[in-house]
């Protein structure tokens, strides 16, 4: 099982600060762990939708529940340059509480590497 955790996962936590302009939200890197990002099939996505969780795009397999708590809106993950948010609380994956699985959805952030909109070539003829 250890060999399957090949993705470097940055766990980010939300910091909220009261300012004169209102509440400022900032995501901070809290730790880096090894995990496995699994793309959901169409059937898998449909099962999540039937359970009431929409837009599930991936599952994340991590070792140990201590990595992320149950307050899901305060956590997100950066994996391979993309940002993902948890959709449901972590689930026991192996029956021993050694590994957990978290349903994720991809969210587009300004600093995500891809997919990007194609850039228009200024020199292209119309």
N, C-alpha and C. Protein backbone atom coordinates (compact mmCIF):
# COMPACT_ATOMS: atom_id res chain seq x y z
N UNK A 1 0.81 -1.19 0.00
CA UNK A 1 0.00 0.00 0.00
C UNK A 1 0.86 1.26 0.00
N UNK A 2 1.99 1.22 0.69
CA UNK A 2 2.84 2.41 0.79
C UNK A 2 3.32 2.85 -0.58
N UNK A 3 3.64 1.92 -1.46
CA UNK A 3 4.14 2.27 -2.78
C UNK A 3 3.12 2.98 -3.64
N UNK A 4 1.84 2.92 -3.27
CA UNK A 4 0.82 3.57 -4.08
C UNK A 4 0.66 5.05 -3.76
N UNK A 5 1.26 5.53 -2.69
CA UNK A 5 1.16 6.94 -2.32
C UNK A 5 2.30 7.71 -2.99
N UNK A 6 2.08 8.07 -4.26
CA UNK A 6 3.16 8.65 -5.06
C UNK A 6 2.96 10.13 -5.39
N UNK A 7 1.88 10.72 -4.92
CA UNK A 7 1.62 12.13 -5.20
C UNK A 7 1.99 12.98 -3.99
N UNK A 8 2.72 14.05 -4.22
CA UNK A 8 3.07 14.97 -3.15
C UNK A 8 1.88 15.90 -2.94
N UNK A 9 1.32 15.91 -1.75
CA UNK A 9 0.11 16.65 -1.43
C UNK A 9 0.45 17.76 -0.44
N UNK A 10 0.12 18.99 -0.79
CA UNK A 10 0.26 20.11 0.14
C UNK A 10 -1.10 20.37 0.76
N UNK A 11 -1.18 20.21 2.07
CA UNK A 11 -2.41 20.49 2.80
C UNK A 11 -2.40 21.97 3.15
N UNK A 12 -3.45 22.68 2.77
CA UNK A 12 -3.56 24.10 3.07
C UNK A 12 -4.70 24.34 4.05
N UNK A 13 -4.48 25.27 4.96
CA UNK A 13 -5.51 25.64 5.93
C UNK A 13 -5.91 27.10 5.71
N UNK A 14 -7.15 27.39 6.03
CA UNK A 14 -7.69 28.73 5.83
C UNK A 14 -7.44 29.58 7.07
N UNK A 15 -6.88 30.76 6.85
CA UNK A 15 -6.68 31.73 7.93
C UNK A 15 -7.60 32.92 7.65
N UNK A 16 -8.39 33.29 8.64
CA UNK A 16 -9.29 34.43 8.49
C UNK A 16 -8.82 35.54 9.42
N UNK A 17 -8.71 36.75 8.86
CA UNK A 17 -8.25 37.91 9.61
C UNK A 17 -9.26 39.04 9.45
N UNK A 18 -9.68 39.63 10.56
CA UNK A 18 -10.56 40.79 10.49
C UNK A 18 -9.75 42.02 10.14
N UNK A 19 -10.19 42.72 9.10
CA UNK A 19 -9.54 43.96 8.69
C UNK A 19 -10.59 45.07 8.59
N UNK A 20 -10.15 46.26 8.32
CA UNK A 20 -11.08 47.38 8.17
C UNK A 20 -12.00 47.18 6.98
N UNK A 21 -11.55 46.42 6.00
CA UNK A 21 -12.35 46.17 4.79
C UNK A 21 -13.19 44.91 4.90
N UNK A 22 -13.18 44.27 6.05
CA UNK A 22 -13.94 43.03 6.23
C UNK A 22 -13.01 41.88 6.58
N UNK A 23 -13.50 40.69 6.39
CA UNK A 23 -12.71 39.50 6.72
C UNK A 23 -11.83 39.14 5.53
N UNK A 24 -10.55 38.98 5.79
CA UNK A 24 -9.58 38.60 4.75
C UNK A 24 -9.32 37.10 4.88
N UNK A 25 -9.50 36.38 3.78
CA UNK A 25 -9.27 34.94 3.76
C UNK A 25 -7.96 34.65 3.03
N UNK A 26 -7.13 33.83 3.64
CA UNK A 26 -5.84 33.48 3.04
C UNK A 26 -5.56 32.01 3.28
N UNK A 27 -5.13 31.32 2.22
CA UNK A 27 -4.76 29.90 2.35
C UNK A 27 -3.27 29.79 2.61
N UNK A 28 -2.91 29.04 3.65
CA UNK A 28 -1.51 28.84 4.03
C UNK A 28 -1.16 27.36 3.97
N UNK A 29 0.04 27.07 3.47
CA UNK A 29 0.51 25.69 3.47
C UNK A 29 0.75 25.25 4.91
N UNK A 30 0.16 24.12 5.31
CA UNK A 30 0.35 23.66 6.68
C UNK A 30 1.26 22.44 6.77
N UNK A 31 1.18 21.55 5.79
CA UNK A 31 2.07 20.39 5.79
C UNK A 31 2.08 19.76 4.41
N UNK A 32 3.11 18.96 4.16
CA UNK A 32 3.22 18.20 2.92
C UNK A 32 3.25 16.72 3.28
N UNK A 33 2.44 15.96 2.58
CA UNK A 33 2.33 14.53 2.85
C UNK A 33 2.29 13.78 1.52
N UNK A 34 2.43 12.48 1.59
CA UNK A 34 2.30 11.64 0.40
C UNK A 34 0.87 11.11 0.34
N UNK A 35 0.32 11.10 -0.86
CA UNK A 35 -1.04 10.60 -1.06
C UNK A 35 -1.18 10.05 -2.46
N UNK A 36 -2.39 9.65 -2.77
CA UNK A 36 -2.67 9.14 -4.12
C UNK A 36 -3.94 9.80 -4.62
N UNK A 37 -3.85 10.50 -5.73
CA UNK A 37 -4.99 11.16 -6.35
C UNK A 37 -5.58 10.20 -7.38
N UNK A 38 -6.86 9.90 -7.22
CA UNK A 38 -7.54 8.94 -8.09
C UNK A 38 -8.66 9.67 -8.83
N UNK A 39 -8.61 9.64 -10.15
CA UNK A 39 -9.65 10.27 -10.96
C UNK A 39 -10.91 9.41 -10.89
N UNK A 40 -12.05 10.05 -10.66
CA UNK A 40 -13.31 9.33 -10.57
C UNK A 40 -13.82 8.98 -11.96
N UNK A 41 -14.34 7.78 -12.09
CA UNK A 41 -14.99 7.38 -13.34
C UNK A 41 -16.38 8.01 -13.39
N UNK A 42 -17.02 7.91 -14.52
CA UNK A 42 -18.38 8.44 -14.65
C UNK A 42 -19.32 7.73 -13.68
N UNK A 43 -19.13 6.42 -13.53
CA UNK A 43 -19.98 5.66 -12.61
C UNK A 43 -19.74 6.10 -11.16
N UNK A 44 -18.48 6.33 -10.81
CA UNK A 44 -18.16 6.77 -9.47
C UNK A 44 -18.73 8.14 -9.17
N UNK A 45 -18.64 9.03 -10.14
CA UNK A 45 -19.22 10.36 -9.97
C UNK A 45 -20.72 10.28 -9.80
N UNK A 46 -21.37 9.42 -10.57
CA UNK A 46 -22.82 9.25 -10.47
C UNK A 46 -23.22 8.73 -9.09
N UNK A 47 -22.43 7.83 -8.52
CA UNK A 47 -22.74 7.31 -7.18
C UNK A 47 -22.67 8.42 -6.13
N UNK A 48 -21.67 9.29 -6.25
CA UNK A 48 -21.57 10.41 -5.31
C UNK A 48 -22.76 11.35 -5.47
N UNK A 49 -23.18 11.58 -6.72
CA UNK A 49 -24.32 12.47 -6.95
C UNK A 49 -25.59 11.88 -6.36
N UNK A 50 -25.76 10.56 -6.45
CA UNK A 50 -26.92 9.93 -5.85
C UNK A 50 -26.91 10.06 -4.34
N UNK A 51 -25.72 10.14 -3.75
CA UNK A 51 -25.60 10.30 -2.29
C UNK A 51 -25.70 11.76 -1.86
N UNK A 52 -25.85 12.67 -2.82
CA UNK A 52 -26.01 14.08 -2.49
C UNK A 52 -24.76 14.92 -2.59
N UNK A 53 -23.66 14.35 -3.07
CA UNK A 53 -22.41 15.11 -3.23
C UNK A 53 -22.19 15.38 -4.70
N UNK A 54 -22.30 16.64 -5.10
CA UNK A 54 -22.16 16.95 -6.51
C UNK A 54 -20.74 17.38 -6.84
N UNK A 55 -20.40 17.22 -8.08
CA UNK A 55 -19.13 17.69 -8.64
C UNK A 55 -17.90 17.01 -8.04
N UNK A 56 -18.01 15.76 -7.64
CA UNK A 56 -16.84 15.02 -7.18
C UNK A 56 -16.03 14.63 -8.41
N UNK A 57 -14.78 15.03 -8.43
CA UNK A 57 -13.93 14.73 -9.59
C UNK A 57 -12.82 13.74 -9.27
N UNK A 58 -12.42 13.65 -8.00
CA UNK A 58 -11.29 12.81 -7.61
C UNK A 58 -11.51 12.25 -6.21
N UNK A 59 -10.79 11.19 -5.90
CA UNK A 59 -10.64 10.71 -4.53
C UNK A 59 -9.18 10.90 -4.15
N UNK A 60 -8.94 11.20 -2.90
CA UNK A 60 -7.57 11.34 -2.39
C UNK A 60 -7.38 10.31 -1.29
N UNK A 61 -6.36 9.48 -1.44
CA UNK A 61 -6.03 8.48 -0.44
C UNK A 61 -4.84 8.99 0.36
N UNK A 62 -5.02 9.06 1.69
CA UNK A 62 -3.97 9.56 2.58
C UNK A 62 -3.77 8.58 3.72
N UNK A 63 -2.61 8.65 4.33
CA UNK A 63 -2.34 7.82 5.50
C UNK A 63 -2.72 8.62 6.75
N UNK A 64 -3.64 8.09 7.53
CA UNK A 64 -3.98 8.67 8.82
C UNK A 64 -5.00 9.78 8.77
N UNK A 65 -5.91 9.77 9.73
CA UNK A 65 -6.96 10.77 9.82
C UNK A 65 -6.45 12.09 10.38
N UNK A 66 -5.31 12.09 11.05
CA UNK A 66 -4.81 13.30 11.71
C UNK A 66 -4.38 14.38 10.72
N UNK A 67 -4.26 14.03 9.45
CA UNK A 67 -3.82 15.00 8.45
C UNK A 67 -4.86 16.10 8.26
N UNK A 68 -6.10 15.72 8.21
CA UNK A 68 -7.17 16.70 7.99
C UNK A 68 -8.31 16.38 8.96
N UNK A 69 -8.84 17.45 9.56
CA UNK A 69 -9.93 17.26 10.51
C UNK A 69 -11.28 17.22 9.82
N UNK A 70 -12.32 17.25 10.60
CA UNK A 70 -13.67 17.19 10.06
C UNK A 70 -14.21 18.55 9.66
N UNK A 71 -13.50 19.64 9.98
CA UNK A 71 -13.94 20.97 9.57
C UNK A 71 -13.48 21.24 8.14
N UNK A 72 -14.16 20.60 7.19
CA UNK A 72 -13.74 20.58 5.79
C UNK A 72 -13.57 21.94 5.13
N UNK A 73 -14.42 22.93 5.39
CA UNK A 73 -14.22 24.21 4.69
C UNK A 73 -12.89 24.89 5.01
N UNK A 74 -12.23 24.46 6.07
CA UNK A 74 -10.96 25.07 6.44
C UNK A 74 -9.75 24.37 5.84
N UNK A 75 -9.96 23.39 4.97
CA UNK A 75 -8.87 22.65 4.35
C UNK A 75 -9.04 22.61 2.84
N UNK A 76 -7.92 22.56 2.15
CA UNK A 76 -7.90 22.26 0.72
C UNK A 76 -6.54 21.66 0.42
N UNK A 77 -6.39 21.15 -0.79
CA UNK A 77 -5.19 20.41 -1.16
C UNK A 77 -4.64 20.92 -2.49
N UNK A 78 -3.31 21.02 -2.58
CA UNK A 78 -2.62 21.32 -3.84
C UNK A 78 -1.88 20.06 -4.24
N UNK A 79 -2.21 19.56 -5.44
CA UNK A 79 -1.61 18.33 -5.94
C UNK A 79 -1.29 18.53 -7.41
N UNK A 80 -0.02 18.30 -7.79
CA UNK A 80 0.42 18.45 -9.17
C UNK A 80 0.06 19.82 -9.74
N UNK A 81 0.13 20.85 -8.92
CA UNK A 81 -0.12 22.20 -9.39
C UNK A 81 -1.58 22.59 -9.45
N UNK A 82 -2.50 21.73 -9.04
CA UNK A 82 -3.92 22.04 -9.07
C UNK A 82 -4.50 22.07 -7.66
N UNK A 83 -5.62 22.75 -7.50
CA UNK A 83 -6.25 22.93 -6.20
C UNK A 83 -7.53 22.10 -6.12
N UNK A 84 -7.70 21.41 -4.99
CA UNK A 84 -8.87 20.57 -4.76
C UNK A 84 -9.47 20.87 -3.40
N UNK A 85 -10.80 20.82 -3.31
CA UNK A 85 -11.50 21.01 -2.05
C UNK A 85 -12.20 19.72 -1.66
N UNK A 86 -12.25 19.40 -0.36
CA UNK A 86 -12.98 18.21 0.06
C UNK A 86 -14.49 18.42 -0.09
N UNK A 87 -15.18 17.33 -0.46
CA UNK A 87 -16.62 17.38 -0.66
C UNK A 87 -17.35 16.70 0.50
N UNK A 88 -16.71 15.72 1.10
CA UNK A 88 -17.31 15.01 2.22
C UNK A 88 -16.22 14.69 3.24
N UNK A 89 -16.59 14.36 4.47
CA UNK A 89 -15.58 14.04 5.49
C UNK A 89 -14.76 12.82 5.11
N UNK A 90 -13.55 12.71 5.65
CA UNK A 90 -12.70 11.54 5.37
C UNK A 90 -13.39 10.25 5.79
N UNK A 91 -13.18 9.20 4.98
CA UNK A 91 -13.73 7.88 5.29
C UNK A 91 -12.60 6.90 5.53
N UNK A 92 -12.83 5.97 6.44
CA UNK A 92 -11.88 4.91 6.71
C UNK A 92 -11.77 4.04 5.45
N UNK A 93 -10.58 3.91 4.91
CA UNK A 93 -10.40 3.21 3.63
C UNK A 93 -10.10 1.72 3.81
N UNK A 94 -9.32 1.39 4.82
CA UNK A 94 -8.84 0.01 4.95
C UNK A 94 -9.42 -0.75 6.13
N UNK A 95 -10.33 -0.14 6.87
CA UNK A 95 -10.92 -0.81 8.02
C UNK A 95 -10.05 -0.79 9.27
N UNK A 96 -8.85 -0.26 9.17
CA UNK A 96 -7.92 -0.22 10.29
C UNK A 96 -7.59 1.19 10.75
N UNK A 97 -8.23 2.18 10.13
CA UNK A 97 -7.97 3.60 10.39
C UNK A 97 -6.54 4.01 10.07
N UNK A 98 -5.87 3.24 9.23
CA UNK A 98 -4.52 3.62 8.81
C UNK A 98 -4.56 4.54 7.59
N UNK A 99 -5.51 4.30 6.69
CA UNK A 99 -5.67 5.10 5.48
C UNK A 99 -7.07 5.68 5.43
N UNK A 100 -7.18 6.89 4.91
CA UNK A 100 -8.48 7.52 4.71
C UNK A 100 -8.63 7.92 3.26
N UNK A 101 -9.88 7.99 2.83
CA UNK A 101 -10.20 8.43 1.47
C UNK A 101 -11.09 9.66 1.59
N UNK A 102 -10.75 10.69 0.82
CA UNK A 102 -11.50 11.94 0.84
C UNK A 102 -11.96 12.24 -0.58
N UNK A 103 -13.26 12.47 -0.74
CA UNK A 103 -13.80 12.87 -2.04
C UNK A 103 -13.48 14.34 -2.27
N UNK A 104 -12.98 14.65 -3.47
CA UNK A 104 -12.55 16.02 -3.78
C UNK A 104 -13.23 16.53 -5.04
N UNK A 105 -13.23 17.85 -5.17
CA UNK A 105 -13.60 18.47 -6.44
C UNK A 105 -12.51 19.46 -6.80
N UNK A 106 -12.21 19.52 -8.08
CA UNK A 106 -11.19 20.44 -8.57
C UNK A 106 -11.79 21.84 -8.61
N UNK A 107 -11.03 22.82 -8.11
CA UNK A 107 -11.45 24.22 -8.17
C UNK A 107 -10.37 25.00 -8.88
N UNK A 108 -10.78 25.88 -9.78
CA UNK A 108 -9.80 26.65 -10.55
C UNK A 108 -9.32 27.83 -9.71
N UNK A 109 -8.03 27.89 -9.54
CA UNK A 109 -7.39 28.99 -8.83
C UNK A 109 -6.49 29.72 -9.82
N UNK A 110 -6.17 30.97 -9.52
CA UNK A 110 -5.33 31.76 -10.41
C UNK A 110 -3.95 31.15 -10.62
N UNK A 111 -3.42 30.48 -9.60
CA UNK A 111 -2.07 29.96 -9.73
C UNK A 111 -2.02 28.49 -10.16
N UNK A 112 -3.15 27.91 -10.54
CA UNK A 112 -3.14 26.53 -11.04
C UNK A 112 -2.39 26.46 -12.36
N UNK A 113 -1.62 25.38 -12.53
CA UNK A 113 -0.78 25.24 -13.72
C UNK A 113 -1.60 24.98 -14.99
N UNK A 114 -2.60 24.16 -14.92
CA UNK A 114 -3.40 23.78 -16.08
C UNK A 114 -4.74 23.30 -15.59
N UNK A 115 -5.76 23.14 -16.34
CA UNK A 115 -5.86 23.56 -17.72
C UNK A 115 -6.04 25.07 -17.82
N UNK A 116 -5.43 25.65 -18.77
CA UNK A 116 -5.51 27.09 -18.98
C UNK A 116 -6.26 27.35 -20.29
N UNK A 117 -6.80 28.55 -20.35
CA UNK A 117 -7.41 28.97 -21.60
C UNK A 117 -6.30 29.16 -22.63
N UNK A 118 -6.52 28.75 -23.87
CA UNK A 118 -5.47 28.93 -24.89
C UNK A 118 -5.19 30.41 -25.11
N UNK A 119 -3.91 30.71 -25.18
CA UNK A 119 -3.52 32.10 -25.41
C UNK A 119 -3.62 32.40 -26.89
N UNK A 120 -4.12 33.58 -27.20
CA UNK A 120 -4.24 33.97 -28.60
C UNK A 120 -2.88 34.46 -29.09
N UNK A 121 -2.54 34.03 -30.29
CA UNK A 121 -1.29 34.42 -30.90
C UNK A 121 -1.47 35.78 -31.57
N UNK A 122 -0.71 36.76 -31.12
CA UNK A 122 -0.84 38.11 -31.67
C UNK A 122 -0.45 38.16 -33.14
N UNK A 123 0.41 37.24 -33.57
CA UNK A 123 0.89 37.26 -34.95
C UNK A 123 0.02 36.43 -35.87
N UNK A 124 -1.00 35.79 -35.36
CA UNK A 124 -1.84 34.92 -36.21
C UNK A 124 -2.66 35.77 -37.16
N UNK A 125 -2.78 35.27 -38.37
CA UNK A 125 -3.58 35.99 -39.36
C UNK A 125 -5.04 35.59 -39.22
N UNK A 126 -5.94 36.54 -39.40
CA UNK A 126 -7.37 36.26 -39.26
C UNK A 126 -7.98 35.95 -40.59
